[in-house]
Structure formats: structure tokens, C-alpha cells
PDB file of N, CA and C in Angstrom:
ATOM      1  N   MET A   1       0.640  -1.301  -0.283  1.00  0.00           N
ATOM      2  CA  MET A   1      -0.021  -0.135  -0.186  1.00  0.00           C
ATOM      3  C   MET A   1       0.993   1.719   0.046  1.00  0.00           C
ATOM      4  N   LYS A   2       1.859   1.283   1.141  1.00  0.00           N
ATOM      5  CA  LYS A   2       2.608   2.489   1.008  1.00  0.00           C
ATOM      6  C   LYS A   2       3.543   2.972  -0.386  1.00  0.00           C
ATOM      7  N   GLY A   3       3.981   1.297  -0.862  1.00  0.00           N
ATOM      8  CA  GLY A   3       4.486   1.309  -1.719  1.00  0.00           C
ATOM      9  C   GLY A   3       4.106   2.179  -3.145  1.00  0.00           C
ATOM     10  N   GLU A   4       2.563   1.493  -3.126  1.00  0.00           N
ATOM     11  CA  GLU A   4       1.126   2.040  -4.476  1.00  0.00           C
ATOM     12  C   GLU A   4       1.161   4.212  -4.136  1.00  0.00           C
ATOM     13  N   SER A   5       1.226   4.259  -3.458  1.00  0.00           N
ATOM     14  CA  SER A   5       1.303   5.952  -2.965  1.00  0.00           C
ATOM     15  C   SER A   5       2.517   6.846  -3.193  1.00  0.00           C
ATOM     16  N   ALA A   6       3.639   6.140  -2.776  1.00  0.00           N
ATOM     17  CA  ALA A   6       4.870   6.392  -3.109  1.00  0.00           C
ATOM     18  C   ALA A   6       4.859   7.153  -5.276  1.00  0.00           C
ATOM     19  N   GLU A   7       4.569   5.404  -5.471  1.00  0.00           N
ATOM     20  CA  GLU A   7       4.472   5.370  -7.004  1.00  0.00           C
ATOM     21  C   GLU A   7       3.546   6.716  -7.563  1.00  0.00           C
ATOM     22  N   ALA A   8       2.490   6.525  -6.654  1.00  0.00           N
ATOM     23  CA  ALA A   8       1.207   7.859  -7.728  1.00  0.00           C
ATOM     24  C   ALA A   8       2.011   9.044  -7.215  1.00  0.00           C
ATOM     25  N   VAL A   9       2.734   9.674  -6.111  1.00  0.00           N
ATOM     26  CA  VAL A   9       3.520  10.692  -5.954  1.00  0.00           C
ATOM     27  C   VAL A   9       4.414  10.884  -7.110  1.00  0.00           C
ATOM     28  N   LYS A  10       5.043   9.983  -7.270  1.00  0.00           N
ATOM     29  CA  LYS A  10       6.005   9.631  -8.511  1.00  0.00           C
ATOM     30  C   LYS A  10       5.239  10.332  -9.455  1.00  0.00           C
ATOM     31  N   VAL A  11       4.411   9.835  -9.692  1.00  0.00           N
ATOM     32  CA  VAL A  11       3.916   9.660 -11.461  1.00  0.00           C
ATOM     33  C   VAL A  11       3.030  11.867 -11.150  1.00  0.00           C
ATOM     34  N   LEU A  12       2.620  12.355 -10.267  1.00  0.00           N
ATOM     35  CA  LEU A  12       2.709  13.235  -9.500  1.00  0.00           C
ATOM     36  C   LEU A  12       3.702  14.403 -10.005  1.00  0.00           C
ATOM     37  N   LEU A  13       4.463  13.916  -9.221  1.00  0.00           N
ATOM     38  CA  LEU A  13       6.029  15.213  -9.150  1.00  0.00           C
ATOM     39  C   LEU A  13       6.147  15.051 -10.849  1.00  0.00           C
ATOM     40  N   ARG A  14       5.775  14.218 -11.949  1.00  0.00           N
ATOM     41  CA  ARG A  14       6.502  13.915 -12.745  1.00  0.00           C
ATOM     42  C   ARG A  14       5.810  14.556 -13.673  1.00  0.00           C
ATOM     43  N   GLU A  15       4.358  14.565 -14.043  1.00  0.00           N
ATOM     44  CA  GLU A  15       3.151  15.716 -14.393  1.00  0.00           C
ATOM     45  C   GLU A  15       3.682  16.942 -13.354  1.00  0.00           C
ATOM     46  N   ALA A  16       3.482  17.299 -12.323  1.00  0.00           N
ATOM     47  CA  ALA A  16       3.403  18.631 -11.882  1.00  0.00           C
ATOM     48  C   ALA A  16       4.632  19.670 -12.317  1.00  0.00           C
ATOM     49  N   THR A  17       4.138  20.848 -12.840  1.00  0.00           N
ATOM     50  CA  THR A  17       5.060  21.894 -12.857  1.00  0.00           C
ATOM     51  C   THR A  17       5.798  22.601 -12.001  1.00  0.00           C
ATOM     52  N   VAL A  18       6.703  22.989 -12.113  1.00  0.00           N
ATOM     53  CA  VAL A  18       7.552  23.470 -11.082  1.00  0.00           C
ATOM     54  C   VAL A  18       7.049  24.327 -10.523  1.00  0.00           C
ATOM     55  N   ASP A  19       5.833  25.437 -10.902  1.00  0.00           N
ATOM     56  CA  ASP A  19       5.383  26.079 -10.021  1.00  0.00           C
ATOM     57  C   ASP A  19       4.142  25.590  -9.236  1.00  0.00           C
ATOM     58  N   GLU A  20       3.522  24.292  -9.268  1.00  0.00           N
ATOM     59  CA  GLU A  20       2.985  23.424  -8.750  1.00  0.00           C
ATOM     60  C   GLU A  20       3.852  22.988  -7.733  1.00  0.00           C
ATOM     61  N   ILE A  21       5.157  22.290  -7.803  1.00  0.00           N
ATOM     62  CA  ILE A  21       5.809  21.740  -6.715  1.00  0.00           C
ATOM     63  C   ILE A  21       5.980  22.906  -6.081  1.00  0.00           C
ATOM     64  N   GLN A  22       6.355  24.080  -6.066  1.00  0.00           N
ATOM     65  CA  GLN A  22       6.861  24.926  -4.956  1.00  0.00           C
ATOM     66  C   GLN A  22       5.770  25.413  -4.793  1.00  0.00           C
ATOM     67  N   GLU A  23       4.190  25.208  -5.478  1.00  0.00           N
ATOM     68  CA  GLU A  23       3.422  25.497  -3.958  1.00  0.00           C
ATOM     69  C   GLU A  23       2.636  24.399  -2.779  1.00  0.00           C
ATOM     70  N   LEU A  24       3.393  23.533  -3.475  1.00  0.00           N
ATOM     71  CA  LEU A  24       3.112  22.107  -2.263  1.00  0.00           C
ATOM     72  C   LEU A  24       4.622  22.443  -1.175  1.00  0.00           C
ATOM     73  N   ALA A  25       5.411  22.623  -1.673  1.00  0.00           N
ATOM     74  CA  ALA A  25       6.740  22.371  -1.204  1.00  0.00           C
ATOM     75  C   ALA A  25       6.301  23.604   0.116  1.00  0.00           C
ATOM     76  N   ASP A  26       5.998  24.698  -0.632  1.00  0.00           N
ATOM     77  CA  ASP A  26       5.440  26.137   0.556  1.00  0.00           C
ATOM     78  C   ASP A  26       4.507  25.409   1.119  1.00  0.00           C
ATOM     79  N   TYR A  27       3.286  24.732   1.030  1.00  0.00           N
ATOM     80  CA  TYR A  27       2.098  24.410   1.529  1.00  0.00           C
ATOM     81  C   TYR A  27       2.673  23.593   2.726  1.00  0.00           C
ATOM     82  N   LEU A  28       3.630  22.212   2.429  1.00  0.00           N
ATOM     83  CA  LEU A  28       4.205  21.615   3.501  1.00  0.00           C
ATOM     84  C   LEU A  28       5.059  22.371   4.571  1.00  0.00           C
ATOM     85  N   LYS A  29       5.614  23.628   4.026  1.00  0.00           N
ATOM     86  CA  LYS A  29       6.591  24.370   5.364  1.00  0.00           C
ATOM     87  C   LYS A  29       5.571  24.801   5.841  1.00  0.00           C
ATOM     88  N   THR A  30       4.440  25.190   5.492  1.00  0.00           N
ATOM     89  CA  THR A  30       3.799  26.086   6.132  1.00  0.00           C
ATOM     90  C   THR A  30       2.920  25.240   7.794  1.00  0.00           C
ATOM     91  N   LYS A  31       2.570  23.837   7.376  1.00  0.00           N
ATOM     92  CA  LYS A  31       1.904  23.575   7.734  1.00  0.00           C
ATOM     93  C   LYS A  31       2.668  22.348   8.728  1.00  0.00           C
ATOM     94  N   ARG A  32       3.855  22.447   8.654  1.00  0.00           N
ATOM     95  CA  ARG A  32       4.808  22.106   9.320  1.00  0.00           C
ATOM     96  C   ARG A  32       5.283  23.029  10.691  1.00  0.00           C
ATOM     97  N   LEU A  33       5.260  24.250  10.003  1.00  0.00           N
ATOM     98  CA  LEU A  33       5.314  25.477  11.129  1.00  0.00           C
ATOM     99  C   LEU A  33       4.240  25.599  12.106  1.00  0.00           C
ATOM    100  N   MET A  34       3.085  24.965  11.574  1.00  0.00           N
ATOM    101  CA  MET A  34       1.925  25.172  12.540  1.00  0.00           C
ATOM    102  C   MET A  34       1.434  24.515  13.302  1.00  0.00           C
ATOM    103  N   ASN A  35       2.201  23.183  12.819  1.00  0.00           N
ATOM    104  CA  ASN A  35       2.431  22.068  13.698  1.00  0.00           C
ATOM    105  C   ASN A  35       3.157  22.402  14.955  1.00  0.00           C
ATOM    106  N   ASP A  36       4.564  22.594  14.844  1.00  0.00           N
ATOM    107  CA  ASP A  36       5.288  22.940  15.954  1.00  0.00           C
ATOM    108  C   ASP A  36       5.112  24.183  16.568  1.00  0.00           C
ATOM    109  N   GLN A  37       3.921  24.890  15.894  1.00  0.00           N
ATOM    110  CA  GLN A  37       3.639  26.187  17.226  1.00  0.00           C
ATOM    111  C   GLN A  37       2.397  25.445  18.094  1.00  0.00           C
ATOM    112  N   ILE A  38       2.146  24.615  17.498  1.00  0.00           N
ATOM    113  CA  ILE A  38       1.021  23.605  18.079  1.00  0.00           C
ATOM    114  C   ILE A  38       1.269  22.824  19.232  1.00  0.00           C
ATOM    115  N   SER A  39       2.498  22.186  18.933  1.00  0.00           N
ATOM    116  CA  SER A  39       3.275  21.192  19.991  1.00  0.00           C
ATOM    117  C   SER A  39       3.596  22.312  20.752  1.00  0.00           C
ATOM    118  N   PRO A  40       3.973  21.646  21.914  1.00  0.00           N
ATOM    119  CA  PRO A  40       4.548  22.490  23.332  1.00  0.00           C
ATOM    120  C   PRO A  40       6.056  22.492  23.173  1.00  0.00           C
TER     121      PRO A  40
END
């Protein structure tokens, strides 16, 4: 199952534009920062 989702991510990244990848990276960074602030 985990391997399947990894393959799906690879396909998505291959088809994604640079802008989309940058947007995803920014989203993940923001999400991580918010999680850090919530955690004590």
C-alpha cells in the first residue's frame, strides 16, 4: 500500500509543473510550522 502511494506521488511530481511543486513545498513548510507552534 505504502509503495503504491509513493508511486502515485512520483507520477504526480513527474506531471506537475515547477510552480505546482513549489506551491506544494510552501504548503508543507507552512503546515510543519503550524504543527510546531501547536506542539508545546
